[in-house]
């Protein structure tokens, strides 16, 4: 597996774990971030979707899907901007930016790996 694929593989594992936690014990994650607890189903749906995306990332990495690996850089780096907008508009609490920062850092890791490999 190439270095860039490994960065996406590890990020896929992170998403799968976060997804599982959000789907199974969402308030544990919310408590860790200092966010408001909820019993609504939306947080579990978000977990399910995060886990699905994580699975896609793992598969893309294992099969060296270069187009998808490159695409993740743009998508993941935009998450922090969108979450920031949600916070600014009052739709979300500030701690949600933790997820955006993690996405951005992961995207920059993949971007750097692609540049190192000359595949960007």
PDB file of N, CA and C in Angstrom:
ATOM      1  N   UNK A   1       0.857  -1.174   0.000  1.00  0.00           N
ATOM      2  CA  UNK A   1       0.000   0.000   0.000  1.00  0.00           C
ATOM      3  C   UNK A   1       0.904   1.239   0.000  1.00  0.00           C
ATOM      4  N   UNK A   2       0.604   2.190  -0.860  1.00  0.00           N
ATOM      5  CA  UNK A   2       1.390   3.423  -0.930  1.00  0.00           C
ATOM      6  C   UNK A   2       1.193   4.240   0.345  1.00  0.00           C
ATOM      7  N   UNK A   3       2.099   5.191   0.546  1.00  0.00           N
ATOM      8  CA  UNK A   3       2.018   6.047   1.723  1.00  0.00           C
ATOM      9  C   UNK A   3       0.709   6.832   1.733  1.00  0.00           C
ATOM     10  N   UNK A   4       0.328   7.401   0.596  1.00  0.00           N
ATOM     11  CA  UNK A   4      -0.924   8.176   0.542  1.00  0.00           C
ATOM     12  C   UNK A   4      -2.128   7.273   0.830  1.00  0.00           C
ATOM     13  N   UNK A   5      -2.104   6.065   0.317  1.00  0.00           N
ATOM     14  CA  UNK A   5      -3.199   5.127   0.583  1.00  0.00           C
ATOM     15  C   UNK A   5      -3.254   4.786   2.071  1.00  0.00           C
ATOM     16  N   UNK A   6      -2.105   4.638   2.704  1.00  0.00           N
ATOM     17  CA  UNK A   6      -2.092   4.343   4.142  1.00  0.00           C
ATOM     18  C   UNK A   6      -2.703   5.490   4.947  1.00  0.00           C
ATOM     19  N   UNK A   7      -2.464   6.741   4.518  1.00  0.00           N
ATOM     20  CA  UNK A   7      -3.052   7.864   5.262  1.00  0.00           C
ATOM     21  C   UNK A   7      -4.578   7.808   5.197  1.00  0.00           C
ATOM     22  N   UNK A   8      -5.098   7.450   4.038  1.00  0.00           N
ATOM     23  CA  UNK A   8      -6.550   7.332   3.883  1.00  0.00           C
ATOM     24  C   UNK A   8      -7.066   6.095   4.621  1.00  0.00           C
ATOM     25  N   UNK A   9      -6.305   5.014   4.602  1.00  0.00           N
ATOM     26  CA  UNK A   9      -6.672   3.801   5.329  1.00  0.00           C
ATOM     27  C   UNK A   9      -6.825   4.092   6.822  1.00  0.00           C
ATOM     28  N   UNK A  10      -5.823   4.768   7.397  1.00  0.00           N
ATOM     29  CA  UNK A  10      -5.879   5.089   8.828  1.00  0.00           C
ATOM     30  C   UNK A  10      -7.020   6.055   9.138  1.00  0.00           C
ATOM     31  N   UNK A  11      -7.255   7.002   8.232  1.00  0.00           N
ATOM     32  CA  UNK A  11      -8.368   7.915   8.437  1.00  0.00           C
ATOM     33  C   UNK A  11      -9.691   7.160   8.359  1.00  0.00           C
ATOM     34  N   UNK A  12      -9.771   6.170   7.484  1.00  0.00           N
ATOM     35  CA  UNK A  12     -10.964   5.327   7.394  1.00  0.00           C
ATOM     36  C   UNK A  12     -11.213   4.557   8.682  1.00  0.00           C
ATOM     37  N   UNK A  13     -10.152   4.091   9.305  1.00  0.00           N
ATOM     38  CA  UNK A  13     -10.292   3.406  10.590  1.00  0.00           C
ATOM     39  C   UNK A  13     -10.821   4.391  11.641  1.00  0.00           C
ATOM     40  N   UNK A  14     -10.245   5.597  11.675  1.00  0.00           N
ATOM     41  CA  UNK A  14     -10.726   6.635  12.599  1.00  0.00           C
ATOM     42  C   UNK A  14     -12.216   6.885  12.389  1.00  0.00           C
ATOM     43  N   UNK A  15     -12.635   7.084  11.128  1.00  0.00           N
ATOM     44  CA  UNK A  15     -14.050   7.338  10.849  1.00  0.00           C
ATOM     45  C   UNK A  15     -14.934   6.162  11.264  1.00  0.00           C
ATOM     46  N   UNK A  16     -14.453   4.957  11.029  1.00  0.00           N
ATOM     47  CA  UNK A  16     -15.226   3.771  11.399  1.00  0.00           C
ATOM     48  C   UNK A  16     -15.406   3.678  12.907  1.00  0.00           C
ATOM     49  N   UNK A  17     -14.357   3.970  13.649  1.00  0.00           N
ATOM     50  CA  UNK A  17     -14.432   3.932  15.117  1.00  0.00           C
ATOM     51  C   UNK A  17     -15.355   5.028  15.635  1.00  0.00           C
ATOM     52  N   UNK A  18     -15.171   6.257  15.136  1.00  0.00           N
ATOM     53  CA  UNK A  18     -16.046   7.358  15.549  1.00  0.00           C
ATOM     54  C   UNK A  18     -17.499   7.036  15.185  1.00  0.00           C
ATOM     55  N   UNK A  19     -17.677   6.486  13.985  1.00  0.00           N
ATOM     56  CA  UNK A  19     -19.024   6.119  13.550  1.00  0.00           C
ATOM     57  C   UNK A  19     -19.668   5.104  14.469  1.00  0.00           C
ATOM     58  N   UNK A  20     -18.907   4.084  14.834  1.00  0.00           N
ATOM     59  CA  UNK A  20     -19.419   3.057  15.741  1.00  0.00           C
ATOM     60  C   UNK A  20     -19.772   3.663  17.103  1.00  0.00           C
ATOM     61  N   UNK A  21     -18.888   4.519  17.617  1.00  0.00           N
ATOM     62  CA  UNK A  21     -19.149   5.153  18.910  1.00  0.00           C
ATOM     63  C   UNK A  21     -20.388   6.044  18.860  1.00  0.00           C
ATOM     64  N   UNK A  22     -20.520   6.826  17.790  1.00  0.00           N
ATOM     65  CA  UNK A  22     -21.685   7.704  17.673  1.00  0.00           C
ATOM     66  C   UNK A  22     -22.982   6.915  17.502  1.00  0.00           C
ATOM     67  N   UNK A  23     -22.897   5.798  16.803  1.00  0.00           N
ATOM     68  CA  UNK A  23     -24.099   4.978  16.602  1.00  0.00           C
ATOM     69  C   UNK A  23     -24.474   4.213  17.877  1.00  0.00           C
ATOM     70  N   UNK A  24     -23.471   3.742  18.611  1.00  0.00           N
ATOM     71  CA  UNK A  24     -23.741   2.897  19.778  1.00  0.00           C
ATOM     72  C   UNK A  24     -23.888   3.685  21.083  1.00  0.00           C
ATOM     73  N   UNK A  25     -22.992   4.643  21.309  1.00  0.00           N
ATOM     74  CA  UNK A  25     -23.006   5.407  22.566  1.00  0.00           C
ATOM     75  C   UNK A  25     -22.762   6.892  22.276  1.00  0.00           C
ATOM     76  N   UNK A  26     -23.695   7.530  21.601  1.00  0.00           N
ATOM     77  CA  UNK A  26     -23.474   8.906  21.162  1.00  0.00           C
ATOM     78  C   UNK A  26     -23.197   9.899  22.293  1.00  0.00           C
ATOM     79  N   UNK A  27     -23.859   9.740  23.410  1.00  0.00           N
ATOM     80  CA  UNK A  27     -23.672  10.710  24.485  1.00  0.00           C
ATOM     81  C   UNK A  27     -22.295  10.610  25.133  1.00  0.00           C
ATOM     82  N   UNK A  28     -21.643   9.467  25.011  1.00  0.00           N
ATOM     83  CA  UNK A  28     -20.259   9.348  25.488  1.00  0.00           C
ATOM     84  C   UNK A  28     -19.368  10.295  24.701  1.00  0.00           C
ATOM     85  N   UNK A  29     -19.520  10.303  23.386  1.00  0.00           N
ATOM     86  CA  UNK A  29     -18.729  11.196  22.527  1.00  0.00           C
ATOM     87  C   UNK A  29     -19.096  12.650  22.811  1.00  0.00           C
ATOM     88  N   UNK A  30     -20.379  12.934  22.895  1.00  0.00           N
ATOM     89  CA  UNK A  30     -20.818  14.307  23.159  1.00  0.00           C
ATOM     90  C   UNK A  30     -20.304  14.799  24.507  1.00  0.00           C
ATOM     91  N   UNK A  31     -20.328  13.933  25.522  1.00  0.00           N
ATOM     92  CA  UNK A  31     -19.812  14.307  26.841  1.00  0.00           C
ATOM     93  C   UNK A  31     -18.316  14.626  26.768  1.00  0.00           C
ATOM     94  N   UNK A  32     -17.557  13.808  26.041  1.00  0.00           N
ATOM     95  CA  UNK A  32     -16.109  14.040  25.901  1.00  0.00           C
ATOM     96  C   UNK A  32     -15.823  15.394  25.269  1.00  0.00           C
ATOM     97  N   UNK A  33     -16.675  15.822  24.358  1.00  0.00           N
ATOM     98  CA  UNK A  33     -16.490  17.106  23.677  1.00  0.00           C
ATOM     99  C   UNK A  33     -17.126  18.267  24.421  1.00  0.00           C
ATOM    100  N   UNK A  34     -17.860  17.964  25.495  1.00  0.00           N
ATOM    101  CA  UNK A  34     -18.536  19.017  26.233  1.00  0.00           C
ATOM    102  C   UNK A  34     -19.741  19.578  25.491  1.00  0.00           C
ATOM    103  N   UNK A  35     -20.359  18.735  24.678  1.00  0.00           N
ATOM    104  CA  UNK A  35     -21.523  19.148  23.903  1.00  0.00           C
ATOM    105  C   UNK A  35     -22.807  18.668  24.573  1.00  0.00           C
ATOM    106  N   UNK A  36     -23.913  19.257  24.174  1.00  0.00           N
ATOM    107  CA  UNK A  36     -25.208  18.907  24.729  1.00  0.00           C
ATOM    108  C   UNK A  36     -25.584  17.472  24.381  1.00  0.00           C
ATOM    109  N   UNK A  37     -26.005  16.720  25.400  1.00  0.00           N
ATOM    110  CA  UNK A  37     -26.452  15.344  25.174  1.00  0.00           C
ATOM    111  C   UNK A  37     -27.744  15.338  24.371  1.00  0.00           C
ATOM    112  N   UNK A  38     -28.003  14.225  23.692  1.00  0.00           N
ATOM    113  CA  UNK A  38     -29.245  14.103  22.934  1.00  0.00           C
ATOM    114  C   UNK A  38     -29.723  12.659  22.936  1.00  0.00           C
ATOM    115  N   UNK A  39     -31.012  12.505  22.869  1.00  0.00           N
ATOM    116  CA  UNK A  39     -31.601  11.179  22.695  1.00  0.00           C
ATOM    117  C   UNK A  39     -32.242  11.062  21.319  1.00  0.00           C
ATOM    118  N   UNK A  40     -32.032  12.090  20.499  1.00  0.00           N
ATOM    119  CA  UNK A  40     -32.588  12.066  19.145  1.00  0.00           C
ATOM    120  C   UNK A  40     -31.781  11.107  18.268  1.00  0.00           C
ATOM    121  N   UNK A  41     -32.418  10.589  17.251  1.00  0.00           N
ATOM    122  CA  UNK A  41     -31.792   9.582  16.402  1.00  0.00           C
ATOM    123  C   UNK A  41     -30.730  10.164  15.471  1.00  0.00           C
ATOM    124  N   UNK A  42     -30.767  11.465  15.194  1.00  0.00           N
ATOM    125  CA  UNK A  42     -29.858  12.050  14.197  1.00  0.00           C
ATOM    126  C   UNK A  42     -28.398  11.744  14.487  1.00  0.00           C
ATOM    127  N   UNK A  43     -27.995  11.748  15.756  1.00  0.00           N
ATOM    128  CA  UNK A  43     -26.589  11.510  16.086  1.00  0.00           C
ATOM    129  C   UNK A  43     -26.187  10.081  15.732  1.00  0.00           C
ATOM    130  N   UNK A  44     -27.093   9.142  15.893  1.00  0.00           N
ATOM    131  CA  UNK A  44     -26.809   7.752  15.518  1.00  0.00           C
ATOM    132  C   UNK A  44     -26.754   7.602  13.998  1.00  0.00           C
ATOM    133  N   UNK A  45     -27.577   8.363  13.291  1.00  0.00           N
ATOM    134  CA  UNK A  45     -27.538   8.353  11.822  1.00  0.00           C
ATOM    135  C   UNK A  45     -26.196   8.912  11.341  1.00  0.00           C
ATOM    136  N   UNK A  46     -25.735   9.982  11.976  1.00  0.00           N
ATOM    137  CA  UNK A  46     -24.422  10.544  11.645  1.00  0.00           C
ATOM    138  C   UNK A  46     -23.335   9.496  11.870  1.00  0.00           C
ATOM    139  N   UNK A  47     -23.440   8.764  12.964  1.00  0.00           N
ATOM    140  CA  UNK A  47     -22.477   7.697  13.239  1.00  0.00           C
ATOM    141  C   UNK A  47     -22.498   6.626  12.167  1.00  0.00           C
ATOM    142  N   UNK A  48     -23.688   6.231  11.767  1.00  0.00           N
ATOM    143  CA  UNK A  48     -23.827   5.221  10.722  1.00  0.00           C
ATOM    144  C   UNK A  48     -23.177   5.715   9.426  1.00  0.00           C
ATOM    145  N   UNK A  49     -23.423   6.971   9.073  1.00  0.00           N
ATOM    146  CA  UNK A  49     -22.855   7.526   7.840  1.00  0.00           C
ATOM    147  C   UNK A  49     -21.336   7.664   7.935  1.00  0.00           C
ATOM    148  N   UNK A  50     -20.833   8.091   9.091  1.00  0.00           N
ATOM    149  CA  UNK A  50     -19.384   8.195   9.275  1.00  0.00           C
ATOM    150  C   UNK A  50     -18.735   6.821   9.137  1.00  0.00           C
ATOM    151  N   UNK A  51     -19.369   5.803   9.711  1.00  0.00           N
ATOM    152  CA  UNK A  51     -18.839   4.446   9.585  1.00  0.00           C
ATOM    153  C   UNK A  51     -18.836   3.971   8.136  1.00  0.00           C
ATOM    154  N   UNK A  52     -19.897   4.302   7.394  1.00  0.00           N
ATOM    155  CA  UNK A  52     -19.962   3.918   5.978  1.00  0.00           C
ATOM    156  C   UNK A  52     -18.862   4.609   5.180  1.00  0.00           C
ATOM    157  N   UNK A  53     -18.671   5.904   5.424  1.00  0.00           N
ATOM    158  CA  UNK A  53     -17.617   6.636   4.713  1.00  0.00           C
ATOM    159  C   UNK A  53     -16.252   6.058   5.082  1.00  0.00           C
ATOM    160  N   UNK A  54     -16.084   5.724   6.357  1.00  0.00           N
ATOM    161  CA  UNK A  54     -14.831   5.093   6.783  1.00  0.00           C
ATOM    162  C   UNK A  54     -14.570   3.796   6.038  1.00  0.00           C
ATOM    163  N   UNK A  55     -15.609   3.006   5.837  1.00  0.00           N
ATOM    164  CA  UNK A  55     -15.466   1.754   5.086  1.00  0.00           C
ATOM    165  C   UNK A  55     -15.064   2.019   3.645  1.00  0.00           C
ATOM    166  N   UNK A  56     -15.659   3.063   3.039  1.00  0.00           N
ATOM    167  CA  UNK A  56     -15.284   3.426   1.670  1.00  0.00           C
ATOM    168  C   UNK A  56     -13.812   3.833   1.604  1.00  0.00           C
ATOM    169  N   UNK A  57     -13.371   4.610   2.581  1.00  0.00           N
ATOM    170  CA  UNK A  57     -11.978   5.045   2.601  1.00  0.00           C
ATOM    171  C   UNK A  57     -11.032   3.857   2.741  1.00  0.00           C
ATOM    172  N   UNK A  58     -11.377   2.929   3.609  1.00  0.00           N
ATOM    173  CA  UNK A  58     -10.544   1.736   3.794  1.00  0.00           C
ATOM    174  C   UNK A  58     -10.449   0.953   2.483  1.00  0.00           C
ATOM    175  N   UNK A  59     -11.575   0.768   1.822  1.00  0.00           N
ATOM    176  CA  UNK A  59     -11.586   0.026   0.560  1.00  0.00           C
ATOM    177  C   UNK A  59     -10.809   0.770  -0.524  1.00  0.00           C
ATOM    178  N   UNK A  60     -10.983   2.086  -0.603  1.00  0.00           N
ATOM    179  CA  UNK A  60     -10.257   2.882  -1.597  1.00  0.00           C
ATOM    180  C   UNK A  60      -8.757   2.783  -1.371  1.00  0.00           C
ATOM    181  N   UNK A  61      -8.348   2.808  -0.122  1.00  0.00           N
ATOM    182  CA  UNK A  61      -6.919   2.710   0.191  1.00  0.00           C
ATOM    183  C   UNK A  61      -6.375   1.325  -0.151  1.00  0.00           C
ATOM    184  N   UNK A  62      -7.106   0.296   0.234  1.00  0.00           N
ATOM    185  CA  UNK A  62      -6.636  -1.075  -0.022  1.00  0.00           C
ATOM    186  C   UNK A  62      -6.508  -1.373  -1.510  1.00  0.00           C
ATOM    187  N   UNK A  63      -7.323  -0.698  -2.328  1.00  0.00           N
ATOM    188  CA  UNK A  63      -7.296  -0.933  -3.772  1.00  0.00           C
ATOM    189  C   UNK A  63      -6.590   0.184  -4.530  1.00  0.00           C
ATOM    190  N   UNK A  64      -5.866   1.038  -3.792  1.00  0.00           N
ATOM    191  CA  UNK A  64      -5.068   2.115  -4.405  1.00  0.00           C
ATOM    192  C   UNK A  64      -5.893   2.944  -5.395  1.00  0.00           C
ATOM    193  N   UNK A  65      -7.091   3.305  -5.014  1.00  0.00           N
ATOM    194  CA  UNK A  65      -7.963   4.103  -5.884  1.00  0.00           C
ATOM    195  C   UNK A  65      -7.488   5.558  -5.839  1.00  0.00           C
ATOM    196  N   UNK A  66      -6.516   5.872  -6.684  1.00  0.00           N
ATOM    197  CA  UNK A  66      -5.819   7.159  -6.638  1.00  0.00           C
ATOM    198  C   UNK A  66      -6.772   8.343  -6.791  1.00  0.00           C
ATOM    199  N   UNK A  67      -7.753   8.233  -7.651  1.00  0.00           N
ATOM    200  CA  UNK A  67      -8.696   9.346  -7.851  1.00  0.00           C
ATOM    201  C   UNK A  67      -9.445   9.630  -6.554  1.00  0.00           C
ATOM    202  N   UNK A  68      -9.908   8.612  -5.901  1.00  0.00           N
ATOM    203  CA  UNK A  68     -10.639   8.799  -4.650  1.00  0.00           C
ATOM    204  C   UNK A  68      -9.706   9.301  -3.549  1.00  0.00           C
ATOM    205  N   UNK A  69      -8.502   8.774  -3.502  1.00  0.00           N
ATOM    206  CA  UNK A  69      -7.536   9.222  -2.495  1.00  0.00           C
ATOM    207  C   UNK A  69      -7.281  10.714  -2.657  1.00  0.00           C
ATOM    208  N   UNK A  70      -7.084  11.178  -3.901  1.00  0.00           N
ATOM    209  CA  UNK A  70      -6.885  12.612  -4.144  1.00  0.00           C
ATOM    210  C   UNK A  70      -8.134  13.415  -3.785  1.00  0.00           C
ATOM    211  N   UNK A  71      -9.304  12.888  -4.119  1.00  0.00           N
ATOM    212  CA  UNK A  71     -10.554  13.589  -3.852  1.00  0.00           C
ATOM    213  C   UNK A  71     -10.765  13.807  -2.351  1.00  0.00           C
ATOM    214  N   UNK A  72     -10.319  12.869  -1.535  1.00  0.00           N
ATOM    215  CA  UNK A  72     -10.517  13.008  -0.092  1.00  0.00           C
ATOM    216  C   UNK A  72      -9.824  14.245   0.457  1.00  0.00           C
ATOM    217  N   UNK A  73      -8.736  14.648  -0.177  1.00  0.00           N
ATOM    218  CA  UNK A  73      -8.014  15.833   0.308  1.00  0.00           C
ATOM    219  C   UNK A  73      -8.926  17.057   0.245  1.00  0.00           C
ATOM    220  N   UNK A  74      -9.579  17.273  -0.874  1.00  0.00           N
ATOM    221  CA  UNK A  74     -10.477  18.427  -1.012  1.00  0.00           C
ATOM    222  C   UNK A  74     -11.675  18.319  -0.074  1.00  0.00           C
ATOM    223  N   UNK A  75     -12.281  17.148  -0.033  1.00  0.00           N
ATOM    224  CA  UNK A  75     -13.469  16.977   0.799  1.00  0.00           C
ATOM    225  C   UNK A  75     -13.150  17.137   2.277  1.00  0.00           C
ATOM    226  N   UNK A  76     -12.099  16.474   2.734  1.00  0.00           N
ATOM    227  CA  UNK A  76     -11.777  16.533   4.162  1.00  0.00           C
ATOM    228  C   UNK A  76     -11.285  17.907   4.585  1.00  0.00           C
ATOM    229  N   UNK A  77     -10.580  18.610   3.701  1.00  0.00           N
ATOM    230  CA  UNK A  77     -10.105  19.942   4.081  1.00  0.00           C
ATOM    231  C   UNK A  77     -11.241  20.958   4.126  1.00  0.00           C
ATOM    232  N   UNK A  78     -12.335  20.696   3.441  1.00  0.00           N
ATOM    233  CA  UNK A  78     -13.466  21.631   3.466  1.00  0.00           C
ATOM    234  C   UNK A  78     -14.355  21.442   4.698  1.00  0.00           C
ATOM    235  N   UNK A  79     -14.248  20.326   5.381  1.00  0.00           N
ATOM    236  CA  UNK A  79     -15.109  20.046   6.532  1.00  0.00           C
ATOM    237  C   UNK A  79     -14.951  21.100   7.615  1.00  0.00           C
ATOM    238  N   UNK A  80     -13.735  21.513   7.902  1.00  0.00           N
ATOM    239  CA  UNK A  80     -13.513  22.502   8.956  1.00  0.00           C
ATOM    240  C   UNK A  80     -14.192  23.827   8.597  1.00  0.00           C
ATOM    241  N   UNK A  81     -14.184  24.197   7.320  1.00  0.00           N
ATOM    242  CA  UNK A  81     -14.853  25.430   6.899  1.00  0.00           C
ATOM    243  C   UNK A  81     -16.365  25.333   7.062  1.00  0.00           C
ATOM    244  N   UNK A  82     -16.921  24.206   6.658  1.00  0.00           N
ATOM    245  CA  UNK A  82     -18.371  24.025   6.771  1.00  0.00           C
ATOM    246  C   UNK A  82     -18.816  23.958   8.229  1.00  0.00           C
ATOM    247  N   UNK A  83     -18.079  23.236   9.041  1.00  0.00           N
ATOM    248  CA  UNK A  83     -18.432  23.174  10.458  1.00  0.00           C
ATOM    249  C   UNK A  83     -18.279  24.543  11.108  1.00  0.00           C
ATOM    250  N   UNK A  84     -17.253  25.291  10.705  1.00  0.00           N
ATOM    251  CA  UNK A  84     -17.075  26.655  11.202  1.00  0.00           C
ATOM    252  C   UNK A  84     -18.257  27.536  10.836  1.00  0.00           C
ATOM    253  N   UNK A  85     -18.754  27.372   9.624  1.00  0.00           N
ATOM    254  CA  UNK A  85     -19.934  28.112   9.189  1.00  0.00           C
ATOM    255  C   UNK A  85     -21.151  27.739  10.037  1.00  0.00           C
ATOM    256  N   UNK A  86     -21.312  26.449  10.313  1.00  0.00           N
ATOM    257  CA  UNK A  86     -22.429  25.995  11.142  1.00  0.00           C
ATOM    258  C   UNK A  86     -22.359  26.606  12.544  1.00  0.00           C
ATOM    259  N   UNK A  87     -21.154  26.671  13.101  1.00  0.00           N
ATOM    260  CA  UNK A  87     -20.979  27.277  14.426  1.00  0.00           C
ATOM    261  C   UNK A  87     -21.301  28.762  14.347  1.00  0.00           C
ATOM    262  N   UNK A  88     -20.768  29.449  13.347  1.00  0.00           N
ATOM    263  CA  UNK A  88     -20.979  30.889  13.180  1.00  0.00           C
ATOM    264  C   UNK A  88     -22.464  31.226  13.030  1.00  0.00           C
ATOM    265  N   UNK A  89     -23.204  30.376  12.314  1.00  0.00           N
ATOM    266  CA  UNK A  89     -24.631  30.601  12.116  1.00  0.00           C
ATOM    267  C   UNK A  89     -25.478  30.173  13.319  1.00  0.00           C
ATOM    268  N   UNK A  90     -24.832  29.540  14.306  1.00  0.00           N
ATOM    269  CA  UNK A  90     -25.551  29.112  15.502  1.00  0.00           C
ATOM    270  C   UNK A  90     -26.236  27.760  15.367  1.00  0.00           C
ATOM    271  N   UNK A  91     -25.900  27.011  14.319  1.00  0.00           N
ATOM    272  CA  UNK A  91     -26.499  25.689  14.105  1.00  0.00           C
ATOM    273  C   UNK A  91     -25.811  24.598  14.914  1.00  0.00           C
ATOM    274  N   UNK A  92     -24.577  24.847  15.346  1.00  0.00           N
ATOM    275  CA  UNK A  92     -23.797  23.818  16.039  1.00  0.00           C
ATOM    276  C   UNK A  92     -22.982  24.462  17.153  1.00  0.00           C
ATOM    277  N   UNK A  93     -22.566  23.631  18.095  1.00  0.00           N
ATOM    278  CA  UNK A  93     -21.742  24.090  19.205  1.00  0.00           C
ATOM    279  C   UNK A  93     -20.270  24.088  18.798  1.00  0.00           C
ATOM    280  N   UNK A  94     -19.504  25.009  19.385  1.00  0.00           N
ATOM    281  CA  UNK A  94     -18.087  25.186  19.057  1.00  0.00           C
ATOM    282  C   UNK A  94     -17.261  23.886  19.105  1.00  0.00           C
ATOM    283  N   UNK A  95     -17.460  22.998  20.083  1.00  0.00           N
ATOM    284  CA  UNK A  95     -16.622  21.799  20.144  1.00  0.00           C
ATOM    285  C   UNK A  95     -16.703  20.904  18.891  1.00  0.00           C
ATOM    286  N   UNK A  96     -17.727  21.081  18.075  1.00  0.00           N
ATOM    287  CA  UNK A  96     -17.826  20.257  16.864  1.00  0.00           C
ATOM    288  C   UNK A  96     -16.652  20.521  15.921  1.00  0.00           C
ATOM    289  N   UNK A  97     -16.003  21.675  16.110  1.00  0.00           N
ATOM    290  CA  UNK A  97     -14.843  22.002  15.278  1.00  0.00           C
ATOM    291  C   UNK A  97     -13.688  21.029  15.470  1.00  0.00           C
ATOM    292  N   UNK A  98     -13.700  20.293  16.580  1.00  0.00           N
ATOM    293  CA  UNK A  98     -12.676  19.263  16.797  1.00  0.00           C
ATOM    294  C   UNK A  98     -12.673  18.291  15.617  1.00  0.00           C
ATOM    295  N   UNK A  99     -13.863  17.879  15.173  1.00  0.00           N
ATOM    296  CA  UNK A  99     -13.950  16.966  14.040  1.00  0.00           C
ATOM    297  C   UNK A  99     -13.408  17.617  12.770  1.00  0.00           C
ATOM    298  N   UNK A 100     -13.683  18.900  12.603  1.00  0.00           N
ATOM    299  CA  UNK A 100     -13.182  19.611  11.427  1.00  0.00           C
ATOM    300  C   UNK A 100     -11.669  19.714  11.416  1.00  0.00           C
ATOM    301  N   UNK A 101     -11.089  19.993  12.570  1.00  0.00           N
ATOM    302  CA  UNK A 101      -9.629  20.091  12.661  1.00  0.00           C
ATOM    303  C   UNK A 101      -8.992  18.736  12.375  1.00  0.00           C
ATOM    304  N   UNK A 102      -9.569  17.671  12.911  1.00  0.00           N
ATOM    305  CA  UNK A 102      -9.038  16.321  12.645  1.00  0.00           C
ATOM    306  C   UNK A 102      -9.126  16.016  11.154  1.00  0.00           C
ATOM    307  N   UNK A 103     -10.260  16.341  10.531  1.00  0.00           N
ATOM    308  CA  UNK A 103     -10.401  16.122   9.086  1.00  0.00           C
ATOM    309  C   UNK A 103      -9.357  16.919   8.312  1.00  0.00           C
ATOM    310  N   UNK A 104      -9.177  18.186   8.681  1.00  0.00           N
ATOM    311  CA  UNK A 104      -8.215  19.036   7.983  1.00  0.00           C
ATOM    312  C   UNK A 104      -6.795  18.489   8.121  1.00  0.00           C
ATOM    313  N   UNK A 105      -6.419  18.115   9.329  1.00  0.00           N
ATOM    314  CA  UNK A 105      -5.072  17.566   9.537  1.00  0.00           C
ATOM    315  C   UNK A 105      -4.875  16.266   8.767  1.00  0.00           C
ATOM    316  N   UNK A 106      -5.897  15.418   8.755  1.00  0.00           N
ATOM    317  CA  UNK A 106      -5.818  14.187   7.966  1.00  0.00           C
ATOM    318  C   UNK A 106      -5.683  14.474   6.477  1.00  0.00           C
ATOM    319  N   UNK A 107      -6.417  15.475   5.998  1.00  0.00           N
ATOM    320  CA  UNK A 107      -6.339  15.855   4.590  1.00  0.00           C
ATOM    321  C   UNK A 107      -4.942  16.364   4.239  1.00  0.00           C
ATOM    322  N   UNK A 108      -4.371  17.171   5.141  1.00  0.00           N
ATOM    323  CA  UNK A 108      -3.026  17.693   4.889  1.00  0.00           C
ATOM    324  C   UNK A 108      -1.989  16.578   4.915  1.00  0.00           C
ATOM    325  N   UNK A 109      -2.187  15.573   5.726  1.00  0.00           N
ATOM    326  CA  UNK A 109      -1.293  14.416   5.764  1.00  0.00           C
ATOM    327  C   UNK A 109      -1.347  13.684   4.419  1.00  0.00           C
ATOM    328  N   UNK A 110      -2.550  13.461   3.916  1.00  0.00           N
ATOM    329  CA  UNK A 110      -2.703  12.795   2.622  1.00  0.00           C
ATOM    330  C   UNK A 110      -2.129  13.661   1.504  1.00  0.00           C
ATOM    331  N   UNK A 111      -2.407  14.962   1.536  1.00  0.00           N
ATOM    332  CA  UNK A 111      -1.864  15.881   0.528  1.00  0.00           C
ATOM    333  C   UNK A 111      -0.347  15.818   0.502  1.00  0.00           C
ATOM    334  N   UNK A 112       0.267  15.848   1.696  1.00  0.00           N
ATOM    335  CA  UNK A 112       1.724  15.783   1.782  1.00  0.00           C
ATOM    336  C   UNK A 112       2.234  14.444   1.234  1.00  0.00           C
ATOM    337  N   UNK A 113       1.545  13.367   1.565  1.00  0.00           N
ATOM    338  CA  UNK A 113       1.949  12.042   1.072  1.00  0.00           C
ATOM    339  C   UNK A 113       1.861  11.995  -0.454  1.00  0.00           C
ATOM    340  N   UNK A 114       0.801  12.547  -1.013  1.00  0.00           N
ATOM    341  CA  UNK A 114       0.657  12.575  -2.474  1.00  0.00           C
ATOM    342  C   UNK A 114       1.769  13.390  -3.116  1.00  0.00           C
ATOM    343  N   UNK A 115       2.101  14.522  -2.528  1.00  0.00           N
ATOM    344  CA  UNK A 115       3.191  15.345  -3.075  1.00  0.00           C
ATOM    345  C   UNK A 115       4.525  14.600  -2.995  1.00  0.00           C
ATOM    346  N   UNK A 116       4.728  13.916  -1.885  1.00  0.00           N
ATOM    347  CA  UNK A 116       5.963  13.154  -1.712  1.00  0.00           C
ATOM    348  C   UNK A 116       6.085  12.066  -2.775  1.00  0.00           C
ATOM    349  N   UNK A 117       4.957  11.453  -3.103  1.00  0.00           N
ATOM    350  CA  UNK A 117       4.939  10.386  -4.108  1.00  0.00           C
ATOM    351  C   UNK A 117       4.897  10.931  -5.530  1.00  0.00           C
ATOM    352  N   UNK A 118       4.661  12.231  -5.674  1.00  0.00           N
ATOM    353  CA  UNK A 118       4.534  12.828  -7.002  1.00  0.00           C
ATOM    354  C   UNK A 118       3.236  12.487  -7.682  1.00  0.00           C
ATOM    355  N   UNK A 119       2.162  12.200  -6.889  1.00  0.00           N
ATOM    356  CA  UNK A 119       0.869  11.777  -7.441  1.00  0.00           C
ATOM    357  C   UNK A 119      -0.191  12.849  -7.352  1.00  0.00           C
ATOM    358  N   UNK A 120       0.169  14.034  -6.855  1.00  0.00           N
ATOM    359  CA  UNK A 120      -0.860  15.071  -6.699  1.00  0.00           C
ATOM    360  C   UNK A 120      -1.166  15.665  -8.042  1.00  0.00           C
TER     361      UNK A 120
END
